[in-house]
N, C-alpha and C. Protein backbone atom coordinates (compact mmCIF):
# COMPACT_ATOMS: atom_id res chain seq x y z
N MET A 1 208.49 -10.11 192.43
CA MET A 1 209.94 -10.17 192.32
C MET A 1 210.39 -11.56 191.85
N GLU A 2 209.74 -12.57 192.37
CA GLU A 2 210.11 -13.93 192.00
C GLU A 2 209.81 -14.21 190.53
N LYS A 3 208.70 -13.68 190.01
CA LYS A 3 208.33 -13.85 188.59
C LYS A 3 209.39 -13.24 187.70
N GLN A 4 209.90 -12.08 188.07
CA GLN A 4 210.93 -11.43 187.27
C GLN A 4 212.22 -12.22 187.33
N ASP A 5 212.54 -12.80 188.48
CA ASP A 5 213.75 -13.61 188.60
C ASP A 5 213.66 -14.84 187.69
N ARG A 6 212.45 -15.42 187.62
CA ARG A 6 212.26 -16.58 186.76
C ARG A 6 212.45 -16.21 185.29
N ASN A 7 211.92 -15.06 184.87
CA ASN A 7 212.11 -14.61 183.50
C ASN A 7 213.56 -14.30 183.20
N ASP A 8 214.29 -13.77 184.16
CA ASP A 8 215.71 -13.50 183.96
C ASP A 8 216.48 -14.81 183.83
N ARG A 9 216.04 -15.82 184.58
CA ARG A 9 216.69 -17.11 184.53
C ARG A 9 216.53 -17.79 183.17
N ASN A 10 215.38 -17.57 182.50
CA ASN A 10 215.12 -18.20 181.22
C ASN A 10 215.73 -17.44 180.06
N ASP A 11 216.35 -16.33 180.33
CA ASP A 11 216.99 -15.51 179.30
C ASP A 11 216.03 -15.13 178.19
N GLY A 12 214.80 -14.78 178.54
CA GLY A 12 213.83 -14.33 177.55
C GLY A 12 213.05 -15.46 176.90
N ARG A 13 213.37 -16.70 177.24
CA ARG A 13 212.60 -17.81 176.68
C ARG A 13 211.24 -17.89 177.33
N MET A 14 210.30 -18.49 176.64
CA MET A 14 208.94 -18.60 177.15
C MET A 14 208.88 -19.64 178.27
N ASP A 15 208.17 -19.31 179.29
CA ASP A 15 207.97 -20.23 180.38
C ASP A 15 207.07 -21.37 179.91
N ARG A 16 207.24 -22.55 180.47
CA ARG A 16 206.46 -23.71 180.06
C ARG A 16 204.96 -23.51 180.28
N ASN A 17 204.59 -22.74 181.28
CA ASN A 17 203.19 -22.51 181.59
C ASN A 17 202.61 -21.32 180.83
N ASP A 18 203.44 -20.54 180.15
CA ASP A 18 202.96 -19.37 179.43
C ASP A 18 202.65 -19.77 177.99
N ARG A 19 201.37 -20.02 177.72
CA ARG A 19 200.97 -20.49 176.40
C ARG A 19 199.99 -19.51 175.77
N SER A 20 200.23 -18.26 175.92
CA SER A 20 199.30 -17.25 175.43
C SER A 20 199.30 -17.15 173.91
N ASP A 21 200.36 -17.61 173.24
CA ASP A 21 200.41 -17.50 171.78
C ASP A 21 199.75 -18.69 171.08
N ARG A 22 199.35 -19.72 171.82
CA ARG A 22 198.72 -20.88 171.21
C ARG A 22 197.23 -20.61 170.97
N PRO A 23 196.70 -21.04 169.83
CA PRO A 23 195.27 -20.80 169.58
C PRO A 23 194.40 -21.73 170.44
N ASP A 24 193.26 -21.21 170.82
CA ASP A 24 192.30 -22.03 171.56
C ASP A 24 191.62 -22.97 170.59
N LYS A 25 190.93 -23.97 171.13
CA LYS A 25 190.20 -24.90 170.28
C LYS A 25 189.08 -24.19 169.54
N GLY A 26 188.57 -23.11 170.10
CA GLY A 26 187.49 -22.37 169.46
C GLY A 26 187.94 -21.59 168.24
N ASP A 27 189.25 -21.42 168.06
CA ASP A 27 189.77 -20.66 166.92
C ASP A 27 189.85 -21.48 165.64
N ARG A 28 189.64 -22.80 165.73
CA ARG A 28 189.74 -23.65 164.54
C ARG A 28 188.57 -23.40 163.61
N LYS A 29 188.77 -23.68 162.33
CA LYS A 29 187.71 -23.48 161.36
C LYS A 29 186.62 -24.51 161.56
N GLU A 30 185.39 -24.07 161.47
CA GLU A 30 184.25 -24.96 161.65
C GLU A 30 183.81 -25.51 160.31
N GLY A 31 183.13 -26.64 160.34
CA GLY A 31 182.53 -27.19 159.15
C GLY A 31 183.47 -27.96 158.25
N ARG A 32 184.62 -28.36 158.73
CA ARG A 32 185.57 -29.12 157.91
C ARG A 32 185.42 -30.60 158.23
N GLY A 33 184.85 -31.36 157.32
CA GLY A 33 184.76 -32.80 157.49
C GLY A 33 183.82 -33.18 158.62
N ARG A 34 184.02 -34.38 159.10
CA ARG A 34 183.20 -34.88 160.19
C ARG A 34 183.85 -34.53 161.51
N PRO A 35 183.10 -34.53 162.61
CA PRO A 35 183.71 -34.26 163.91
C PRO A 35 184.79 -35.29 164.21
N GLY A 36 185.90 -34.83 164.68
CA GLY A 36 187.01 -35.72 164.97
C GLY A 36 187.95 -35.88 163.78
N GLY A 37 187.71 -35.14 162.71
CA GLY A 37 188.58 -35.20 161.54
C GLY A 37 188.32 -36.42 160.71
N GLY A 38 189.24 -36.75 159.85
CA GLY A 38 189.09 -37.93 159.03
C GLY A 38 188.41 -37.63 157.70
N PHE A 39 187.89 -38.66 157.11
CA PHE A 39 187.28 -38.57 155.79
C PHE A 39 185.97 -37.79 155.88
N GLY A 40 185.72 -36.91 154.95
CA GLY A 40 184.59 -36.02 155.03
C GLY A 40 183.26 -36.62 154.62
N ARG A 41 183.24 -37.73 153.93
CA ARG A 41 182.01 -38.26 153.38
C ARG A 41 181.87 -39.72 153.80
N LYS A 42 180.66 -40.12 154.13
CA LYS A 42 180.43 -41.51 154.54
C LYS A 42 180.48 -42.42 153.32
N LYS A 43 181.16 -43.54 153.45
CA LYS A 43 181.26 -44.49 152.35
C LYS A 43 179.97 -45.30 152.27
N VAL A 44 179.57 -45.62 151.06
CA VAL A 44 178.33 -46.36 150.84
C VAL A 44 178.67 -47.69 150.18
N ASP A 45 177.99 -48.74 150.60
CA ASP A 45 178.20 -50.06 150.04
C ASP A 45 177.80 -50.05 148.56
N PRO A 46 178.73 -50.38 147.65
CA PRO A 46 178.39 -50.35 146.22
C PRO A 46 177.34 -51.38 145.83
N PHE A 47 177.22 -52.46 146.58
CA PHE A 47 176.23 -53.49 146.26
C PHE A 47 174.82 -53.03 146.62
N ILE A 48 174.71 -52.18 147.63
CA ILE A 48 173.41 -51.62 147.99
C ILE A 48 173.06 -50.45 147.07
N LEU A 49 174.07 -49.67 146.71
CA LEU A 49 173.86 -48.49 145.87
C LEU A 49 173.39 -48.88 144.47
N ASP A 50 174.00 -49.91 143.90
CA ASP A 50 173.66 -50.34 142.54
C ASP A 50 173.17 -51.79 142.60
N LYS A 51 171.87 -51.97 142.47
CA LYS A 51 171.28 -53.31 142.59
C LYS A 51 171.67 -54.22 141.42
N SER A 52 172.05 -53.62 140.27
CA SER A 52 172.43 -54.44 139.13
C SER A 52 173.84 -55.02 139.28
N LEU A 53 174.56 -54.58 140.29
CA LEU A 53 175.92 -55.05 140.54
C LEU A 53 175.84 -56.42 141.22
N VAL A 54 176.20 -57.46 140.49
CA VAL A 54 176.09 -58.82 141.01
C VAL A 54 177.49 -59.34 141.33
N LEU A 55 177.64 -59.88 142.52
CA LEU A 55 178.92 -60.42 142.95
C LEU A 55 179.04 -61.85 142.46
N ASP A 56 180.11 -62.11 141.69
CA ASP A 56 180.34 -63.45 141.17
C ASP A 56 181.84 -63.63 140.99
N TYR A 57 182.35 -64.79 141.33
CA TYR A 57 183.79 -65.03 141.22
C TYR A 57 184.26 -65.04 139.78
N LYS A 58 183.35 -65.26 138.81
CA LYS A 58 183.73 -65.27 137.40
C LYS A 58 183.81 -63.86 136.82
N ASN A 59 183.23 -62.90 137.50
CA ASN A 59 183.27 -61.51 137.06
C ASN A 59 184.57 -60.88 137.60
N LEU A 60 185.64 -61.00 136.83
CA LEU A 60 186.95 -60.60 137.31
C LEU A 60 187.07 -59.09 137.50
N ARG A 61 186.37 -58.32 136.70
CA ARG A 61 186.42 -56.87 136.86
C ARG A 61 185.89 -56.49 138.24
N MET A 62 184.83 -57.15 138.67
CA MET A 62 184.26 -56.88 140.00
C MET A 62 185.21 -57.36 141.09
N VAL A 63 185.79 -58.53 140.91
CA VAL A 63 186.68 -59.09 141.93
C VAL A 63 187.92 -58.21 142.09
N TYR A 64 188.52 -57.77 140.99
CA TYR A 64 189.73 -56.95 141.07
C TYR A 64 189.47 -55.58 141.68
N ARG A 65 188.24 -55.15 141.69
CA ARG A 65 187.90 -53.87 142.32
C ARG A 65 188.14 -53.91 143.82
N PHE A 66 188.05 -55.09 144.41
CA PHE A 66 188.19 -55.25 145.86
C PHE A 66 189.45 -56.01 146.25
N VAL A 67 190.41 -56.10 145.34
CA VAL A 67 191.69 -56.75 145.62
C VAL A 67 192.79 -55.72 145.38
N SER A 68 193.73 -55.58 146.32
CA SER A 68 194.80 -54.60 146.17
C SER A 68 195.83 -55.09 145.15
N GLU A 69 196.82 -54.25 144.86
CA GLU A 69 197.87 -54.61 143.90
C GLU A 69 198.68 -55.80 144.37
N THR A 70 198.80 -55.95 145.68
CA THR A 70 199.57 -57.07 146.23
C THR A 70 198.73 -58.33 146.37
N GLY A 71 197.44 -58.26 146.00
CA GLY A 71 196.59 -59.44 146.04
C GLY A 71 195.81 -59.60 147.32
N ARG A 72 195.89 -58.63 148.19
CA ARG A 72 195.16 -58.72 149.45
C ARG A 72 193.75 -58.17 149.29
N ILE A 73 192.82 -58.70 150.06
CA ILE A 73 191.44 -58.24 150.03
C ILE A 73 191.37 -56.88 150.72
N VAL A 74 190.73 -55.92 150.07
CA VAL A 74 190.63 -54.56 150.61
C VAL A 74 189.68 -54.59 151.81
N PRO A 75 190.10 -54.01 152.96
CA PRO A 75 189.25 -54.06 154.15
C PRO A 75 187.99 -53.20 154.03
N ARG A 76 187.02 -53.48 154.89
CA ARG A 76 185.73 -52.81 154.86
C ARG A 76 185.83 -51.31 155.03
N HIS A 77 186.69 -50.85 155.95
CA HIS A 77 186.74 -49.42 156.23
C HIS A 77 187.30 -48.62 155.06
N ILE A 78 187.94 -49.30 154.12
CA ILE A 78 188.45 -48.61 152.93
C ILE A 78 187.46 -48.75 151.77
N SER A 79 186.93 -49.94 151.57
CA SER A 79 186.04 -50.17 150.43
C SER A 79 184.62 -49.68 150.68
N GLY A 80 184.18 -49.63 151.95
CA GLY A 80 182.85 -49.18 152.27
C GLY A 80 181.80 -50.27 152.20
N VAL A 81 182.19 -51.51 152.02
CA VAL A 81 181.26 -52.63 151.92
C VAL A 81 180.78 -52.99 153.33
N ASN A 82 179.49 -53.33 153.48
CA ASN A 82 179.00 -53.72 154.80
C ASN A 82 179.47 -55.13 155.15
N ALA A 83 179.23 -55.56 156.38
CA ALA A 83 179.80 -56.81 156.88
C ALA A 83 179.31 -58.03 156.12
N LYS A 84 178.02 -58.07 155.84
CA LYS A 84 177.45 -59.22 155.14
C LYS A 84 178.05 -59.36 153.74
N ASN A 85 178.11 -58.25 153.02
CA ASN A 85 178.66 -58.29 151.66
C ASN A 85 180.17 -58.50 151.66
N GLN A 86 180.85 -58.07 152.73
CA GLN A 86 182.30 -58.31 152.82
C GLN A 86 182.56 -59.81 152.96
N ARG A 87 181.74 -60.51 153.74
CA ARG A 87 181.91 -61.96 153.87
C ARG A 87 181.65 -62.66 152.54
N ARG A 88 180.61 -62.23 151.82
CA ARG A 88 180.32 -62.80 150.50
C ARG A 88 181.47 -62.51 149.53
N LEU A 89 181.97 -61.28 149.58
CA LEU A 89 183.06 -60.87 148.71
C LEU A 89 184.32 -61.70 148.98
N THR A 90 184.62 -61.91 150.24
CA THR A 90 185.79 -62.72 150.62
C THR A 90 185.66 -64.14 150.10
N LYS A 91 184.47 -64.70 150.21
CA LYS A 91 184.24 -66.06 149.73
C LYS A 91 184.47 -66.15 148.22
N HIS A 92 183.97 -65.17 147.46
CA HIS A 92 184.13 -65.19 146.01
C HIS A 92 185.58 -64.94 145.59
N ILE A 93 186.28 -64.06 146.31
CA ILE A 93 187.69 -63.81 145.98
C ILE A 93 188.52 -65.06 146.24
N LYS A 94 188.28 -65.73 147.35
CA LYS A 94 189.03 -66.96 147.66
C LYS A 94 188.70 -68.07 146.67
N ARG A 95 187.47 -68.12 146.23
CA ARG A 95 187.09 -69.12 145.23
C ARG A 95 187.80 -68.85 143.91
N ALA A 96 187.87 -67.58 143.51
CA ALA A 96 188.58 -67.22 142.27
C ALA A 96 190.07 -67.52 142.38
N ARG A 97 190.64 -67.32 143.56
CA ARG A 97 192.06 -67.65 143.76
C ARG A 97 192.29 -69.15 143.63
N SER A 98 191.41 -69.93 144.24
CA SER A 98 191.62 -71.38 144.23
C SER A 98 191.46 -71.95 142.82
N LEU A 99 190.63 -71.32 141.98
CA LEU A 99 190.46 -71.77 140.59
C LEU A 99 191.55 -71.20 139.66
N GLY A 100 192.37 -70.30 140.20
CA GLY A 100 193.45 -69.72 139.40
C GLY A 100 193.01 -68.57 138.51
N LEU A 101 191.84 -68.00 138.76
CA LEU A 101 191.36 -66.88 137.96
C LEU A 101 192.08 -65.59 138.30
N ILE A 102 192.47 -65.43 139.57
CA ILE A 102 193.27 -64.28 139.97
C ILE A 102 194.52 -64.80 140.66
N ALA A 103 195.55 -63.95 140.71
CA ALA A 103 196.82 -64.34 141.28
C ALA A 103 196.69 -64.51 142.79
N PRO A 104 197.45 -65.44 143.36
CA PRO A 104 197.41 -65.60 144.81
C PRO A 104 198.05 -64.41 145.50
N LYS A 105 197.85 -64.33 146.80
CA LYS A 105 198.38 -63.24 147.60
C LYS A 105 199.90 -63.29 147.60
N MET A 106 200.54 -62.12 147.42
CA MET A 106 202.01 -62.06 147.44
C MET A 106 202.49 -62.06 148.88
N GLU A 107 203.54 -62.76 149.16
CA GLU A 107 204.11 -62.82 150.50
C GLU A 107 205.14 -61.72 150.67
N GLY A 108 205.24 -61.21 151.88
CA GLY A 108 206.28 -60.23 152.16
C GLY A 108 205.78 -58.96 152.46
């Protein structure tokens, strides 16, 4: 009797605890990307992948590959570069900035 009174009180609206129309976690499609969502493929360090790729501050095409439009250095989780090569890359980008080969970082 009390359950019916509660339903009458809600005027046909769903009770907060009645979630029968929601899908269970088991109903989701399997095999989409990595567990936990996100990017489906692991990024690989381009310096390890291609041994002929030499990092040098004078090679502007290489330097601009790792610098955003605003002049900021692209972070590791986006570029896929490992920690050691990211430190080397940062050193070469800063060296190119100090020599005026690439534009300095934009403020704002």
